[in-house]
Structure formats: C-alpha cells, structure tokens
C-alpha atoms as a PDB file:
ATOM      1  CA  MET A   1      10.165 -24.362  -0.994  1.00  0.00           C
ATOM      2  CA  THR A   2       7.572 -23.733   1.840  1.00  0.00           C
ATOM      3  CA  THR A   3       4.496 -25.794   2.395  1.00  0.00           C
ATOM      4  CA  LEU A   4       0.951 -24.437   2.494  1.00  0.00           C
ATOM      5  CA  LYS A   5      -1.202 -25.096   5.478  1.00  0.00           C
ATOM      6  CA  ASN A   6      -3.998 -27.604   4.619  1.00  0.00           C
ATOM      7  CA  ASP A   7      -5.904 -27.476   7.742  1.00  0.00           C
ATOM      8  CA  LEU A   8      -8.259 -24.699   8.714  1.00  0.00           C
ATOM      9  CA  ASN A   9      -6.057 -21.963  10.207  1.00  0.00           C
ATOM     10  CA  LEU A  10      -8.524 -19.094  10.497  1.00  0.00           C
ATOM     11  CA  GLN A  11     -10.258 -18.182  13.818  1.00  0.00           C
ATOM     12  CA  ASP A  12     -13.769 -17.566  13.402  1.00  0.00           C
ATOM     13  CA  ALA A  13     -13.943 -18.382   9.588  1.00  0.00           C
ATOM     14  CA  ASP A  14     -17.645 -17.673   9.475  1.00  0.00           C
ATOM     15  CA  GLY A  15     -17.263 -14.430  11.141  1.00  0.00           C
ATOM     16  CA  PHE A  16     -14.558 -13.384   8.686  1.00  0.00           C
ATOM     17  CA  TYR A  17     -16.556 -14.530   5.724  1.00  0.00           C
ATOM     18  CA  GLU A  18     -19.377 -12.249   6.923  1.00  0.00           C
ATOM     19  CA  GLN A  19     -17.044  -9.358   7.324  1.00  0.00           C
ATOM     20  CA  LEU A  20     -15.735  -9.927   3.785  1.00  0.00           C
ATOM     21  CA  LEU A  21     -19.245 -10.017   2.308  1.00  0.00           C
ATOM     22  CA  ASN A  22     -20.195  -6.967   4.426  1.00  0.00           C
ATOM     23  CA  SER A  23     -17.298  -5.036   2.953  1.00  0.00           C
ATOM     24  CA  HIS A  24     -18.651  -5.437  -0.514  1.00  0.00           C
ATOM     25  CA  ARG A  25     -22.060  -4.362   0.372  1.00  0.00           C
ATOM     26  CA  ASP A  26     -23.305  -1.548  -1.769  1.00  0.00           C
ATOM     27  CA  LEU A  27     -20.194  -1.468  -3.862  1.00  0.00           C
ATOM     28  CA  THR A  28     -20.177  -1.353  -7.687  1.00  0.00           C
ATOM     29  CA  GLU A  29     -18.561  -4.276  -9.505  1.00  0.00           C
ATOM     30  CA  GLN A  30     -15.435  -2.033 -10.142  1.00  0.00           C
ATOM     31  CA  GLU A  31     -15.158  -0.980  -6.580  1.00  0.00           C
ATOM     32  CA  SER A  32     -15.642  -4.548  -5.222  1.00  0.00           C
ATOM     33  CA  ALA A  33     -12.767  -5.731  -7.663  1.00  0.00           C
ATOM     34  CA  GLN A  34     -10.659  -2.842  -6.340  1.00  0.00           C
ATOM     35  CA  LEU A  35     -11.242  -3.790  -2.753  1.00  0.00           C
ATOM     36  CA  ASN A  36     -10.294  -7.395  -3.514  1.00  0.00           C
ATOM     37  CA  ALA A  37      -7.053  -6.305  -5.292  1.00  0.00           C
ATOM     38  CA  ARG A  38      -6.188  -4.089  -2.249  1.00  0.00           C
ATOM     39  CA  LEU A  39      -7.027  -6.970   0.057  1.00  0.00           C
ATOM     40  CA  ILE A  40      -4.818  -9.483  -1.889  1.00  0.00           C
ATOM     41  CA  LEU A  41      -1.852  -6.983  -1.740  1.00  0.00           C
ATOM     42  CA  VAL A  42      -2.322  -6.467   2.022  1.00  0.00           C
ATOM     43  CA  LEU A  43      -2.434 -10.143   2.721  1.00  0.00           C
ATOM     44  CA  ALA A  44       0.460 -10.866   0.539  1.00  0.00           C
ATOM     45  CA  ASN A  45       2.488  -8.261   2.494  1.00  0.00           C
ATOM     46  CA  GLN A  46       1.496 -10.018   5.670  1.00  0.00           C
ATOM     47  CA  VAL A  47       2.695 -13.474   4.204  1.00  0.00           C
ATOM     48  CA  GLY A  48       5.855 -11.853   2.871  1.00  0.00           C
ATOM     49  CA  ASP A  49       7.397 -15.134   1.553  1.00  0.00           C
ATOM     50  CA  ALA A  50       7.736 -15.146  -2.130  1.00  0.00           C
ATOM     51  CA  ASP A  51       7.878 -18.916  -2.492  1.00  0.00           C
ATOM     52  CA  LYS A  52       4.577 -19.251  -0.396  1.00  0.00           C
ATOM     53  CA  LEU A  53       2.851 -16.550  -2.342  1.00  0.00           C
ATOM     54  CA  THR A  54       3.638 -18.475  -5.711  1.00  0.00           C
ATOM     55  CA  GLN A  55       2.159 -21.534  -4.125  1.00  0.00           C
ATOM     56  CA  CYS A  56      -0.958 -19.700  -3.068  1.00  0.00           C
ATOM     57  CA  LEU A  57      -1.378 -18.335  -6.711  1.00  0.00           C
ATOM     58  CA  GLU A  58      -1.007 -21.762  -8.108  1.00  0.00           C
ATOM     59  CA  LEU A  59      -3.350 -23.252  -5.520  1.00  0.00           C
ATOM     60  CA  ALA A  60      -5.901 -20.426  -6.230  1.00  0.00           C
ATOM     61  CA  ALA A  61      -5.708 -21.067 -10.029  1.00  0.00           C
ATOM     62  CA  ARG A  62      -6.830 -24.711  -9.599  1.00  0.00           C
ATOM     63  CA  PRO A  63     -10.410 -25.494 -10.110  1.00  0.00           C
ATOM     64  CA  TRP A  64     -11.967 -26.267  -6.640  1.00  0.00           C
ATOM     65  CA  ARG A  65     -13.191 -29.590  -5.958  1.00  0.00           C
ATOM     66  CA  VAL A  66     -15.340 -30.908  -3.157  1.00  0.00           C
ATOM     67  CA  LYS A  67     -13.738 -33.520  -1.126  1.00  0.00           C
ATOM     68  CA  VAL A  68     -15.902 -36.518  -0.395  1.00  0.00           C
END
C-alpha cells in the first residue's frame, strides 16, 4: 500500500484556494456540487493509483482535528 504525503505539497496553496473559491462564485448549490464532483474525478485521474485513492477517501472521511 502506498503512503500519503503528510507535508504540504502544494505550490501556492493560498493561490489555489482562492482559485477554488472563485470557481464556485455565482454557481447554484447544485452547480457547485457538480463542479466539485468533476474536479474530484479529474484529480483522481491524475493520481491514478487505486490504493492511494482509497487512502485519500479514508482520510477525507475522518473528522478534521486541529493539531496543537
């Protein structure tokens, strides 16, 4: 089984977050959900590794906790 990256691995994380928010601007709730679904599929295709995608799903399903 592959191991997920735990350290920040995103260039310009703030810039990407801003792009993500902007991509949802003026969309209905349904259109926003559809955009998210398409984005997930595009990103999953880029990852390509079934084991890694399973780990991503499991990680995303966990409640988020702030590390202190």
